Amino acid sequence: MPIEKDPEVARRTEGYSRLAEFMGGTNDFAIFKRFGALSAEDLLYRQAELLDLNRQLNGIRAANRASGHPDRQAYEYDWDALHGSTLPGAEHGNNDEQWKLMLKVRSCIKEYCKS
């Protein structure tokens, strides 16, 4: 038995386009796989990546606190100091490693939340 009873539609479509034509004609036959296990696995990997980034960030924060450099010691509570570490005129001894890692964290969290 053909998927589509309309001979004109059957004549002009084949394969996926024919199936899509059939599924698009009614909501009763639109069936799509959700990939639940694969999606869950992807989320678990994203969590693991974020945990690793958090571990790295904690290490950088500790190093900045112990650095003795006033700007680096302020990064945890002074956004201007942290962001300023990336600017061309940053004072000698600044380190932009924390800011760059935070930008990576921001990107990963954004993707994680969309998932």
Protein backbone atom coordinates (compact mmCIF):
# COMPACT_ATOMS: atom_id res chain seq x y z
CA MET A 1 0.00 0.00 0.00
CA PRO A 2 1.53 3.37 -0.98
CA ILE A 3 2.20 5.95 1.71
CA GLU A 4 0.32 8.71 -0.16
CA LYS A 5 -3.04 8.05 -1.79
CA ASP A 6 -2.89 11.15 -3.99
CA PRO A 7 -1.25 9.91 -7.24
CA GLU A 8 0.03 13.42 -8.07
CA VAL A 9 1.92 13.67 -4.76
CA ALA A 10 3.19 10.10 -5.10
CA ARG A 11 4.42 10.85 -8.62
CA ARG A 12 6.43 13.96 -7.69
CA THR A 13 7.98 12.72 -4.44
CA GLU A 14 10.18 9.82 -3.43
CA GLY A 15 12.14 8.73 -0.36
CA TYR A 16 12.42 11.26 2.46
CA SER A 17 10.48 13.90 0.56
CA ARG A 18 7.58 11.48 0.08
CA LEU A 19 7.62 10.52 3.74
CA ALA A 20 7.82 14.19 4.75
CA GLU A 21 4.86 14.98 2.50
CA PHE A 22 2.88 12.24 4.23
CA MET A 23 3.93 13.28 7.75
CA GLY A 24 3.30 16.95 7.01
CA GLY A 25 -0.26 16.24 5.94
CA THR A 26 -1.39 15.32 9.43
CA ASN A 27 -0.05 15.57 12.97
CA ASP A 28 -1.05 11.97 13.66
CA PHE A 29 1.85 10.50 11.69
CA ALA A 30 4.76 12.80 12.52
CA ILE A 31 7.13 10.54 14.45
CA PHE A 32 10.68 11.53 15.27
CA LYS A 33 13.31 9.79 17.35
CA ARG A 34 14.35 11.85 20.40
CA PHE A 35 17.80 10.31 20.89
CA GLY A 36 17.27 10.44 24.66
CA ALA A 37 20.26 8.32 25.65
CA LEU A 38 22.57 10.12 23.25
CA SER A 39 21.36 13.51 24.49
CA ALA A 40 21.89 12.43 28.09
CA GLU A 41 25.41 11.25 27.26
CA ASP A 42 26.17 14.60 25.61
CA LEU A 43 24.95 16.45 28.73
CA LEU A 44 27.13 14.25 30.93
CA TYR A 45 30.19 15.08 28.82
CA ARG A 46 29.31 18.78 28.96
CA GLN A 47 29.04 18.54 32.76
CA ALA A 48 32.41 16.82 32.96
CA GLU A 49 33.95 19.54 30.81
CA LEU A 50 32.47 22.25 33.04
CA LEU A 51 33.73 20.49 36.16
CA ASP A 52 37.22 20.39 34.67
CA LEU A 53 37.06 24.08 33.73
CA ASN A 54 35.90 24.88 37.27
CA ARG A 55 38.86 22.94 38.69
CA GLN A 56 41.24 24.87 36.42
CA LEU A 57 39.63 28.18 37.35
CA ASN A 58 40.00 27.43 41.07
CA GLY A 59 43.71 26.73 40.52
CA ILE A 60 44.21 29.99 38.63
CA ARG A 61 42.33 31.92 41.31
CA ALA A 62 44.55 30.43 44.01
CA ALA A 63 47.67 31.32 42.01
CA ASN A 64 46.45 34.89 41.51
CA ARG A 65 45.67 35.25 45.23
CA ALA A 66 49.18 34.04 46.10
CA SER A 67 50.92 36.10 43.39
CA GLY A 68 51.55 39.18 45.52
CA HIS A 69 50.46 41.34 42.56
CA PRO A 70 47.70 43.77 43.65
CA ASP A 71 45.73 43.53 40.39
CA ARG A 72 45.87 39.74 40.25
CA GLN A 73 44.80 39.51 43.89
CA ALA A 74 41.79 41.71 43.06
CA TYR A 75 40.55 39.63 40.08
CA GLU A 76 38.12 37.62 42.23
CA TYR A 77 36.13 40.64 43.32
CA ASP A 78 37.03 43.43 40.85
CA TRP A 79 35.73 42.91 37.33
CA ASP A 80 37.60 45.99 36.04
CA ALA A 81 40.90 44.55 37.25
CA LEU A 82 40.11 41.15 35.75
CA HIS A 83 38.95 42.52 32.42
CA GLY A 84 41.82 45.02 32.39
CA SER A 85 44.29 42.14 32.48
CA THR A 86 43.56 41.56 28.79
CA LEU A 87 44.09 45.14 27.61
CA PRO A 88 47.27 46.12 25.74
CA GLY A 89 48.27 48.70 28.37
CA ALA A 90 47.85 46.34 31.34
CA GLU A 91 50.41 46.90 34.07
CA HIS A 92 53.39 44.54 34.11
CA GLY A 93 52.64 41.38 36.05
CA ASN A 94 48.99 41.13 35.09
CA ASN A 95 47.85 37.76 33.86
CA ASP A 96 44.87 37.31 31.52
CA GLU A 97 44.66 33.54 32.06
CA GLN A 98 41.70 33.80 34.47
CA TRP A 99 39.71 36.06 32.12
CA LYS A 100 40.36 33.84 29.08
CA LEU A 101 39.29 30.75 31.01
CA MET A 102 36.18 32.54 32.28
CA LEU A 103 35.22 33.33 28.67
CA LYS A 104 35.57 29.64 27.84
CA VAL A 105 33.40 28.76 30.86
CA ARG A 106 30.80 31.29 29.69
CA SER A 107 30.66 29.70 26.25
CA CYS A 108 30.41 26.16 27.65
CA ILE A 109 27.67 27.10 30.10
CA LYS A 110 25.70 28.78 27.34
CA GLU A 111 25.86 25.61 25.22
CA TYR A 112 25.10 23.42 28.23
CA CYS A 113 21.99 25.44 29.10
CA LYS A 114 20.75 25.29 25.50
CA SER A 115 21.05 21.50 25.61
